[in-house]
């Protein structure tokens, strides 16, 4: 959903892709939090923060990851 994503010559994405499936299970709670914040900062930079906020505020508590659950 993030606007203006780009891939560098090494094939890496900016911002990095979301942590899904096996990437989710193999990352620490701190890495998950860092990626989420990185995506929020990107959305802000690209003028999308209000759109992202509208989506996020609809999520129920069960949609959120809590470090204490890790």
N, C-alpha and C. Protein backbone atom coordinates (compact mmCIF):
# COMPACT_ATOMS: atom_id res chain seq x y z
N UNK A 1 0.80 -1.21 0.00
CA UNK A 1 0.00 0.00 0.00
C UNK A 1 0.84 1.27 0.00
N UNK A 2 2.09 1.16 0.43
CA UNK A 2 2.91 2.37 0.53
C UNK A 2 3.29 2.90 -0.85
N UNK A 3 3.16 4.19 -1.00
CA UNK A 3 3.47 4.83 -2.28
C UNK A 3 4.97 4.92 -2.51
N UNK A 4 5.31 4.96 -3.78
CA UNK A 4 6.67 5.26 -4.23
C UNK A 4 7.73 4.29 -3.70
N UNK A 5 7.33 3.05 -3.49
CA UNK A 5 8.33 2.04 -3.13
C UNK A 5 9.27 1.87 -4.31
N UNK A 6 10.51 1.51 -4.02
CA UNK A 6 11.46 1.32 -5.12
C UNK A 6 12.42 0.19 -4.77
N UNK A 7 12.95 -0.39 -5.81
CA UNK A 7 13.89 -1.49 -5.67
C UNK A 7 15.26 -1.00 -6.11
N UNK A 8 16.27 -1.22 -5.28
CA UNK A 8 17.61 -0.77 -5.64
C UNK A 8 18.29 -1.82 -6.53
N UNK A 9 19.47 -1.52 -7.06
CA UNK A 9 20.15 -2.47 -7.96
C UNK A 9 20.44 -3.84 -7.33
N UNK A 10 20.55 -3.91 -6.01
CA UNK A 10 20.78 -5.19 -5.34
C UNK A 10 19.50 -6.01 -5.20
N UNK A 11 18.38 -5.41 -5.57
CA UNK A 11 17.10 -6.11 -5.47
C UNK A 11 16.38 -5.87 -4.15
N UNK A 12 16.94 -5.03 -3.29
CA UNK A 12 16.31 -4.73 -2.00
C UNK A 12 15.26 -3.64 -2.18
N UNK A 13 14.20 -3.73 -1.39
CA UNK A 13 13.12 -2.76 -1.49
C UNK A 13 13.29 -1.64 -0.48
N UNK A 14 12.88 -0.46 -0.88
CA UNK A 14 12.84 0.68 0.01
C UNK A 14 11.42 1.22 0.01
N UNK A 15 10.72 1.22 1.10
CA UNK A 15 11.13 0.63 2.37
C UNK A 15 11.12 -0.90 2.25
N UNK A 16 11.76 -1.56 3.21
CA UNK A 16 11.76 -3.03 3.17
C UNK A 16 10.34 -3.59 3.17
N UNK A 17 10.19 -4.75 2.61
CA UNK A 17 8.87 -5.38 2.53
C UNK A 17 8.33 -5.71 3.92
N UNK A 18 7.01 -5.81 4.06
CA UNK A 18 6.44 -6.22 5.36
C UNK A 18 6.93 -7.60 5.75
N UNK A 19 6.93 -7.84 7.03
CA UNK A 19 7.33 -9.16 7.54
C UNK A 19 6.13 -10.08 7.49
N UNK A 20 6.14 -11.00 6.54
CA UNK A 20 5.02 -11.92 6.35
C UNK A 20 5.52 -13.35 6.41
N UNK A 21 4.65 -14.23 6.76
CA UNK A 21 4.87 -15.67 6.75
C UNK A 21 6.16 -16.05 7.48
N UNK A 22 7.12 -16.70 6.81
CA UNK A 22 8.32 -17.17 7.50
C UNK A 22 9.16 -15.99 8.01
N UNK A 23 9.12 -14.86 7.33
CA UNK A 23 9.87 -13.70 7.82
C UNK A 23 9.32 -13.25 9.17
N UNK A 24 8.02 -13.37 9.37
CA UNK A 24 7.41 -12.97 10.64
C UNK A 24 7.90 -13.88 11.77
N UNK A 25 7.92 -15.17 11.52
CA UNK A 25 8.29 -16.10 12.59
C UNK A 25 9.78 -16.09 12.89
N UNK A 26 10.59 -15.62 11.98
CA UNK A 26 12.04 -15.65 12.19
C UNK A 26 12.62 -14.30 12.64
N UNK A 27 11.78 -13.34 12.96
CA UNK A 27 12.27 -12.05 13.42
C UNK A 27 11.91 -11.82 14.87
N UNK A 28 12.72 -11.02 15.55
CA UNK A 28 12.48 -10.71 16.96
C UNK A 28 11.37 -9.66 17.09
N UNK A 29 10.90 -9.51 18.30
CA UNK A 29 9.87 -8.50 18.58
C UNK A 29 10.41 -7.10 18.25
N UNK A 30 11.66 -6.85 18.56
CA UNK A 30 12.25 -5.54 18.26
C UNK A 30 12.33 -5.29 16.76
N UNK A 31 12.66 -6.31 15.99
CA UNK A 31 12.71 -6.16 14.53
C UNK A 31 11.32 -5.90 13.96
N UNK A 32 10.32 -6.56 14.51
CA UNK A 32 8.94 -6.32 14.07
C UNK A 32 8.54 -4.87 14.34
N UNK A 33 8.84 -4.40 15.54
CA UNK A 33 8.52 -3.03 15.91
C UNK A 33 9.26 -2.04 15.02
N UNK A 34 10.52 -2.30 14.77
CA UNK A 34 11.33 -1.43 13.91
C UNK A 34 10.76 -1.33 12.50
N UNK A 35 10.37 -2.45 11.94
CA UNK A 35 9.82 -2.46 10.57
C UNK A 35 8.51 -1.68 10.52
N UNK A 36 7.66 -1.86 11.53
CA UNK A 36 6.39 -1.14 11.59
C UNK A 36 6.64 0.37 11.64
N UNK A 37 7.56 0.79 12.48
CA UNK A 37 7.88 2.21 12.60
C UNK A 37 8.47 2.74 11.30
N UNK A 38 9.33 1.95 10.67
CA UNK A 38 9.91 2.35 9.39
C UNK A 38 8.81 2.58 8.34
N UNK A 39 7.82 1.71 8.32
CA UNK A 39 6.71 1.86 7.37
C UNK A 39 5.86 3.09 7.71
N UNK A 40 5.64 3.35 8.99
CA UNK A 40 4.89 4.56 9.37
C UNK A 40 5.64 5.81 8.95
N UNK A 41 6.95 5.83 9.14
CA UNK A 41 7.75 6.99 8.73
C UNK A 41 7.69 7.18 7.22
N UNK A 42 7.74 6.08 6.48
CA UNK A 42 7.65 6.17 5.01
C UNK A 42 6.28 6.74 4.61
N UNK A 43 5.24 6.24 5.23
CA UNK A 43 3.89 6.74 4.93
C UNK A 43 3.80 8.23 5.22
N UNK A 44 4.39 8.67 6.30
CA UNK A 44 4.38 10.09 6.64
C UNK A 44 5.12 10.90 5.58
N UNK A 45 6.31 10.43 5.21
CA UNK A 45 7.13 11.12 4.20
C UNK A 45 6.40 11.23 2.86
N UNK A 46 5.63 10.20 2.54
CA UNK A 46 4.93 10.16 1.24
C UNK A 46 3.51 10.73 1.29
N UNK A 47 3.15 11.33 2.42
CA UNK A 47 1.83 11.96 2.54
C UNK A 47 0.69 10.98 2.68
N UNK A 48 0.97 9.78 3.17
CA UNK A 48 -0.05 8.75 3.31
C UNK A 48 -0.44 8.46 4.76
N UNK A 49 0.10 9.19 5.70
CA UNK A 49 -0.10 8.82 7.09
C UNK A 49 -1.58 8.83 7.48
N UNK A 50 -2.37 9.74 6.95
CA UNK A 50 -3.80 9.76 7.28
C UNK A 50 -4.53 8.53 6.75
N UNK A 51 -4.15 8.08 5.57
CA UNK A 51 -4.75 6.87 5.00
C UNK A 51 -4.40 5.66 5.86
N UNK A 52 -3.13 5.55 6.23
CA UNK A 52 -2.68 4.44 7.05
C UNK A 52 -3.35 4.48 8.42
N UNK A 53 -3.46 5.66 9.00
CA UNK A 53 -4.12 5.80 10.30
C UNK A 53 -5.58 5.32 10.22
N UNK A 54 -6.26 5.69 9.16
CA UNK A 54 -7.66 5.28 8.99
C UNK A 54 -7.78 3.76 8.95
N UNK A 55 -6.85 3.11 8.31
CA UNK A 55 -6.86 1.64 8.24
C UNK A 55 -6.54 1.04 9.60
N UNK A 56 -5.48 1.52 10.23
CA UNK A 56 -5.03 0.96 11.49
C UNK A 56 -6.07 1.13 12.60
N UNK A 57 -6.74 2.26 12.64
CA UNK A 57 -7.68 2.48 13.74
C UNK A 57 -8.89 1.54 13.66
N UNK A 58 -9.10 0.91 12.52
CA UNK A 58 -10.20 -0.06 12.38
C UNK A 58 -9.82 -1.45 12.92
N UNK A 59 -8.53 -1.70 13.12
CA UNK A 59 -8.09 -3.01 13.57
C UNK A 59 -8.55 -3.28 15.00
N UNK A 60 -8.95 -4.48 15.24
CA UNK A 60 -9.30 -4.86 16.61
C UNK A 60 -8.03 -5.18 17.38
N UNK A 61 -8.15 -5.26 18.68
CA UNK A 61 -6.99 -5.55 19.53
C UNK A 61 -6.32 -6.86 19.13
N UNK A 62 -7.08 -7.82 18.67
CA UNK A 62 -6.50 -9.12 18.30
C UNK A 62 -5.62 -9.04 17.05
N UNK A 63 -5.72 -7.96 16.28
CA UNK A 63 -4.88 -7.78 15.10
C UNK A 63 -3.47 -7.30 15.45
N UNK A 64 -3.28 -6.84 16.66
CA UNK A 64 -2.01 -6.26 17.05
C UNK A 64 -1.10 -7.31 17.67
N UNK A 65 0.18 -7.16 17.41
CA UNK A 65 1.21 -8.00 18.03
C UNK A 65 1.66 -7.30 19.31
N UNK A 66 1.73 -8.03 20.39
CA UNK A 66 2.21 -7.49 21.67
C UNK A 66 3.50 -8.21 22.03
N UNK A 67 4.51 -7.46 22.39
CA UNK A 67 5.80 -8.07 22.72
C UNK A 67 5.67 -9.11 23.84
N UNK A 68 4.75 -8.91 24.74
CA UNK A 68 4.57 -9.85 25.84
C UNK A 68 4.05 -11.21 25.34
N UNK A 69 3.52 -11.26 24.12
CA UNK A 69 3.00 -12.50 23.55
C UNK A 69 4.09 -13.28 22.81
N UNK A 70 5.25 -12.69 22.64
CA UNK A 70 6.32 -13.29 21.87
C UNK A 70 7.00 -14.39 22.62
